[in-house]
Every structure is written in C-alpha cells, then in structure tokens.
Amino acid sequence: MNQRYVVNVEAAVVRDGEFLIARRADSEDHATGTLSFVGGTVEGIEEAEDALERTARREVREEVGVEVGELRYVESGAFLADGDPCVNVVFLGRHESGTARPREPEEVAEVFWLTADEVVDHPDAPPWTEASVERAEQHRADLGW
C-alpha cells in the first residue's frame, strides 16, 4: 500500500530557559484547547534542502510573530490525525526576536513562556506534548541554551 503522509513541523522555541507554548484554538480540528509547540504543515516548498526548517520558522512567524534563530532536530514520529497519517517533526529553536502573541486566532488562542516542568504539570498538556517538551528540554540543557 502506497500511503502519503501530511508532514507537520513544530518548533520548541526557547528563551531564558522557557519554551514558547501555544494553546490550540477551539476551531482547530485536532486537539483543541490543548497546549503544544507552535507549528504546521509543510506547504508551498517545491525545492529546498531545508524544507522542514523553513516550515518551522514560517509557522512561528505567522502564528505568533516570533523570529527563530538556530534550529536543532529533537524528534519525529507518526500518528493519525482525524484519520489522515501524519509525520510530526520537532525542532528546538532559539528565540531571535519578536514578542509572542496570537496572530492567527483560528489556530492559536493563547501563548505562554513556560519551563518544561510547568508544561508537564499543566492540566491542558496532552501526553505527546509532555514527552516532546521533556526531550526538547534535554537537548536545551545539553546545548547550554
């Protein structure tokens, strides 16, 4: 069977030991109201050696108005989102500039700067976000960011 996947990219943007976390808007199809990293699907890129990194930067800029500097790979995984197979890639990124605020309210209801522990302890953090933030925190600590 030849199955095609939607490719989603998330950015675990870090500033002063805290992560940029979004609350997914009620109008989102998947995981409404939960906490997540900012991200979205790869689209509009026909040729590029850094398609995933471009997507991460574009999504963070469009959704919350923040520019991301250096990016490092954290993890990838696959899951079904409303019956569609999806590959999700998470990068750790350094906050470069900009004040985080929801710019696309149909996708992002709120934004927060939270430590990894605060995310893990938050009642609206689903297990997959908890796991991703713990991995991103380990990478952040290893890099000394």
C-alpha atoms as a PDB file:
ATOM      1  CA  MET A   1       0.000   0.000   0.000  1.00  0.00           C
ATOM      2  CA  ASN A   2       1.368   3.409  -1.014  1.00  0.00           C
ATOM      3  CA  GLN A   3       0.436   5.753   1.807  1.00  0.00           C
ATOM      4  CA  ARG A   4       1.074   9.514   1.716  1.00  0.00           C
ATOM      5  CA  TYR A   5       1.678  11.460   4.881  1.00  0.00           C
ATOM      6  CA  VAL A   6       0.956  15.006   5.924  1.00  0.00           C
ATOM      7  CA  VAL A   7       4.247  16.428   7.241  1.00  0.00           C
ATOM      8  CA  ASN A   8       3.904  18.651  10.297  1.00  0.00           C
ATOM      9  CA  VAL A   9       6.771  20.603  11.848  1.00  0.00           C
ATOM     10  CA  GLU A  10       6.822  22.041  15.379  1.00  0.00           C
ATOM     11  CA  ALA A  11       9.313  24.448  16.918  1.00  0.00           C
ATOM     12  CA  ALA A  12      10.213  24.200  20.598  1.00  0.00           C
ATOM     13  CA  VAL A  13      11.291  27.847  20.773  1.00  0.00           C
ATOM     14  CA  VAL A  14      13.330  28.596  23.882  1.00  0.00           C
ATOM     15  CA  ARG A  15      14.170  31.887  25.591  1.00  0.00           C
ATOM     16  CA  ASP A  16      15.828  32.183  29.013  1.00  0.00           C
ATOM     17  CA  GLY A  17      15.086  28.547  29.866  1.00  0.00           C
ATOM     18  CA  GLU A  18      11.386  28.781  28.957  1.00  0.00           C
ATOM     19  CA  PHE A  19       9.510  27.361  25.978  1.00  0.00           C
ATOM     20  CA  LEU A  20       7.032  29.169  23.762  1.00  0.00           C
ATOM     21  CA  ILE A  21       3.813  27.218  24.182  1.00  0.00           C
ATOM     22  CA  ALA A  22       0.519  27.754  22.363  1.00  0.00           C
ATOM     23  CA  ARG A  23      -2.997  26.842  23.386  1.00  0.00           C
ATOM     24  CA  ARG A  24      -4.680  25.403  20.306  1.00  0.00           C
ATOM     25  CA  ALA A  25      -7.796  27.323  19.282  1.00  0.00           C
ATOM     26  CA  ASP A  26     -11.267  25.805  19.608  1.00  0.00           C
ATOM     27  CA  SER A  27     -11.616  25.968  15.814  1.00  0.00           C
ATOM     28  CA  GLU A  28      -8.685  23.569  15.291  1.00  0.00           C
ATOM     29  CA  ASP A  29      -9.630  20.094  14.032  1.00  0.00           C
ATOM     30  CA  HIS A  30      -7.118  18.232  16.198  1.00  0.00           C
ATOM     31  CA  ALA A  31      -6.518  18.519  19.983  1.00  0.00           C
ATOM     32  CA  THR A  32      -8.491  21.728  20.527  1.00  0.00           C
ATOM     33  CA  GLY A  33      -7.725  23.641  23.714  1.00  0.00           C
ATOM     34  CA  THR A  34      -4.549  21.714  24.466  1.00  0.00           C
ATOM     35  CA  LEU A  35      -1.020  23.029  24.833  1.00  0.00           C
ATOM     36  CA  SER A  36       1.518  22.463  22.077  1.00  0.00           C
ATOM     37  CA  PHE A  37       4.568  23.881  20.409  1.00  0.00           C
ATOM     38  CA  VAL A  38       3.861  26.237  17.510  1.00  0.00           C
ATOM     39  CA  GLY A  39       3.932  24.533  14.142  1.00  0.00           C
ATOM     40  CA  GLY A  40       2.160  23.496  10.997  1.00  0.00           C
ATOM     41  CA  THR A  41       2.351  21.569   7.762  1.00  0.00           C
ATOM     42  CA  VAL A  42       4.993  21.692   5.070  1.00  0.00           C
ATOM     43  CA  GLU A  43       3.451  23.504   2.110  1.00  0.00           C
ATOM     44  CA  GLY A  44       4.433  25.768  -0.755  1.00  0.00           C
ATOM     45  CA  ILE A  45       8.008  24.480  -0.922  1.00  0.00           C
ATOM     46  CA  GLU A  46       8.912  22.768  -4.177  1.00  0.00           C
ATOM     47  CA  GLU A  47      12.685  22.581  -3.807  1.00  0.00           C
ATOM     48  CA  ALA A  48      14.768  23.255  -0.719  1.00  0.00           C
ATOM     49  CA  GLU A  49      17.416  21.441   1.277  1.00  0.00           C
ATOM     50  CA  ASP A  50      15.961  22.909   4.477  1.00  0.00           C
ATOM     51  CA  ALA A  51      12.212  22.500   3.895  1.00  0.00           C
ATOM     52  CA  LEU A  52      11.484  21.432   7.472  1.00  0.00           C
ATOM     53  CA  GLU A  53      13.471  24.290   8.990  1.00  0.00           C
ATOM     54  CA  ARG A  54      11.814  26.820   6.659  1.00  0.00           C
ATOM     55  CA  THR A  55       8.426  25.479   7.676  1.00  0.00           C
ATOM     56  CA  ALA A  56       9.234  25.771  11.394  1.00  0.00           C
ATOM     57  CA  ARG A  57      10.381  29.380  11.018  1.00  0.00           C
ATOM     58  CA  ARG A  58       7.429  30.341   8.801  1.00  0.00           C
ATOM     59  CA  GLU A  59       4.837  28.841  11.125  1.00  0.00           C
ATOM     60  CA  VAL A  60       6.258  30.535  14.238  1.00  0.00           C
ATOM     61  CA  ARG A  61       6.460  33.877  12.413  1.00  0.00           C
ATOM     62  CA  GLU A  62       2.929  33.628  11.008  1.00  0.00           C
ATOM     63  CA  GLU A  63       1.168  32.234  14.070  1.00  0.00           C
ATOM     64  CA  VAL A  64       2.837  34.172  16.898  1.00  0.00           C
ATOM     65  CA  GLY A  65       5.107  36.851  15.385  1.00  0.00           C
ATOM     66  CA  VAL A  66       8.421  35.489  16.638  1.00  0.00           C
ATOM     67  CA  GLU A  67      11.614  35.032  14.644  1.00  0.00           C
ATOM     68  CA  VAL A  68      13.574  31.844  15.310  1.00  0.00           C
ATOM     69  CA  GLY A  69      17.352  31.614  15.029  1.00  0.00           C
ATOM     70  CA  GLU A  70      19.327  28.392  15.238  1.00  0.00           C
ATOM     71  CA  LEU A  71      17.323  25.167  14.956  1.00  0.00           C
ATOM     72  CA  ARG A  72      18.278  21.668  16.140  1.00  0.00           C
ATOM     73  CA  TYR A  73      16.422  18.415  15.473  1.00  0.00           C
ATOM     74  CA  VAL A  74      14.709  16.895  18.528  1.00  0.00           C
ATOM     75  CA  GLU A  75      12.441  14.064  17.355  1.00  0.00           C
ATOM     76  CA  SER A  76       9.979  12.744  14.812  1.00  0.00           C
ATOM     77  CA  GLY A  77       7.004  10.454  14.993  1.00  0.00           C
ATOM     78  CA  ALA A  78       3.922   9.333  13.129  1.00  0.00           C
ATOM     79  CA  PHE A  79       0.276   9.368  14.150  1.00  0.00           C
ATOM     80  CA  LEU A  80      -3.238   9.571  12.715  1.00  0.00           C
ATOM     81  CA  ALA A  81      -4.940  12.987  12.795  1.00  0.00           C
ATOM     82  CA  ASP A  82      -8.627  12.628  12.024  1.00  0.00           C
ATOM     83  CA  GLY A  83      -7.854   9.503  10.004  1.00  0.00           C
ATOM     84  CA  ASP A  84      -5.014  11.069   8.000  1.00  0.00           C
ATOM     85  CA  PRO A  85      -1.494   9.698   8.519  1.00  0.00           C
ATOM     86  CA  CYS A  86       0.841  12.419   9.740  1.00  0.00           C
ATOM     87  CA  VAL A  87       4.584  12.629  10.334  1.00  0.00           C
ATOM     88  CA  ASN A  88       5.479  15.165  13.013  1.00  0.00           C
ATOM     89  CA  VAL A  89       8.986  16.630  13.337  1.00  0.00           C
ATOM     90  CA  VAL A  90      10.068  18.705  16.348  1.00  0.00           C
ATOM     91  CA  PHE A  91      12.966  21.159  16.325  1.00  0.00           C
ATOM     92  CA  LEU A  92      14.488  23.075  19.209  1.00  0.00           C
ATOM     93  CA  GLY A  93      14.898  26.711  18.214  1.00  0.00           C
ATOM     94  CA  ARG A  94      16.409  29.812  19.771  1.00  0.00           C
ATOM     95  CA  HIS A  95      14.189  32.866  20.139  1.00  0.00           C
ATOM     96  CA  GLU A  96      15.783  35.545  17.984  1.00  0.00           C
ATOM     97  CA  SER A  97      13.299  38.430  18.154  1.00  0.00           C
ATOM     98  CA  GLY A  98       9.660  39.394  18.464  1.00  0.00           C
ATOM     99  CA  THR A  99       7.011  39.480  21.139  1.00  0.00           C
ATOM    100  CA  ALA A 100       4.870  36.357  21.131  1.00  0.00           C
ATOM    101  CA  ARG A 101       1.160  36.941  20.650  1.00  0.00           C
ATOM    102  CA  PRO A 102      -1.532  35.039  18.741  1.00  0.00           C
ATOM    103  CA  ARG A 103      -1.588  36.352  15.165  1.00  0.00           C
ATOM    104  CA  GLU A 104      -3.830  33.622  13.771  1.00  0.00           C
ATOM    105  CA  PRO A 105      -6.626  33.251  16.357  1.00  0.00           C
ATOM    106  CA  GLU A 106      -8.254  30.455  14.379  1.00  0.00           C
ATOM    107  CA  GLU A 107      -5.154  28.367  15.178  1.00  0.00           C
ATOM    108  CA  VAL A 108      -3.640  29.843  18.369  1.00  0.00           C
ATOM    109  CA  ALA A 109      -5.861  31.006  21.248  1.00  0.00           C
ATOM    110  CA  GLU A 110      -3.082  31.983  23.693  1.00  0.00           C
ATOM    111  CA  VAL A 111       0.693  31.843  24.053  1.00  0.00           C
ATOM    112  CA  PHE A 112       2.833  31.332  27.136  1.00  0.00           C
ATOM    113  CA  TRP A 113       6.506  31.147  28.071  1.00  0.00           C
ATOM    114  CA  LEU A 114       6.747  28.121  30.390  1.00  0.00           C
ATOM    115  CA  THR A 115       9.504  25.955  31.796  1.00  0.00           C
ATOM    116  CA  ALA A 116       9.493  22.284  30.856  1.00  0.00           C
ATOM    117  CA  ASP A 117       8.265  21.404  34.362  1.00  0.00           C
ATOM    118  CA  GLU A 118       5.405  23.904  34.076  1.00  0.00           C
ATOM    119  CA  VAL A 119       4.320  22.342  30.785  1.00  0.00           C
ATOM    120  CA  VAL A 120       4.485  18.793  32.150  1.00  0.00           C
ATOM    121  CA  ASP A 121       2.477  19.827  35.229  1.00  0.00           C
ATOM    122  CA  HIS A 122      -0.140  21.775  33.237  1.00  0.00           C
ATOM    123  CA  PRO A 123      -3.587  20.129  33.118  1.00  0.00           C
ATOM    124  CA  ASP A 124      -4.030  21.047  29.434  1.00  0.00           C
ATOM    125  CA  ALA A 125      -0.768  19.453  28.264  1.00  0.00           C
ATOM    126  CA  PRO A 126      -1.506  16.183  26.457  1.00  0.00           C
ATOM    127  CA  PRO A 127       0.923  13.272  26.865  1.00  0.00           C
ATOM    128  CA  TRP A 128       2.562  13.852  23.463  1.00  0.00           C
ATOM    129  CA  THR A 129       3.334  17.494  24.333  1.00  0.00           C
ATOM    130  CA  GLU A 130       4.716  16.436  27.718  1.00  0.00           C
ATOM    131  CA  ALA A 131       7.003  13.904  26.031  1.00  0.00           C
ATOM    132  CA  SER A 132       8.176  16.383  23.382  1.00  0.00           C
ATOM    133  CA  VAL A 133       8.921  19.131  25.891  1.00  0.00           C
ATOM    134  CA  GLU A 134      10.925  16.709  28.044  1.00  0.00           C
ATOM    135  CA  ARG A 135      13.031  15.708  25.004  1.00  0.00           C
ATOM    136  CA  ALA A 136      13.437  19.347  23.954  1.00  0.00           C
ATOM    137  CA  GLU A 137      14.466  20.280  27.494  1.00  0.00           C
ATOM    138  CA  GLN A 138      17.149  17.590  27.472  1.00  0.00           C
ATOM    139  CA  HIS A 139      18.519  18.952  24.191  1.00  0.00           C
ATOM    140  CA  ARG A 140      18.349  22.523  25.521  1.00  0.00           C
ATOM    141  CA  ALA A 141      20.275  21.551  28.642  1.00  0.00           C
ATOM    142  CA  ASP A 142      22.876  19.612  26.621  1.00  0.00           C
ATOM    143  CA  LEU A 143      23.403  22.650  24.371  1.00  0.00           C
ATOM    144  CA  GLY A 144      23.527  25.093  27.285  1.00  0.00           C
ATOM    145  CA  TRP A 145      20.786  27.246  25.801  1.00  0.00           C
END
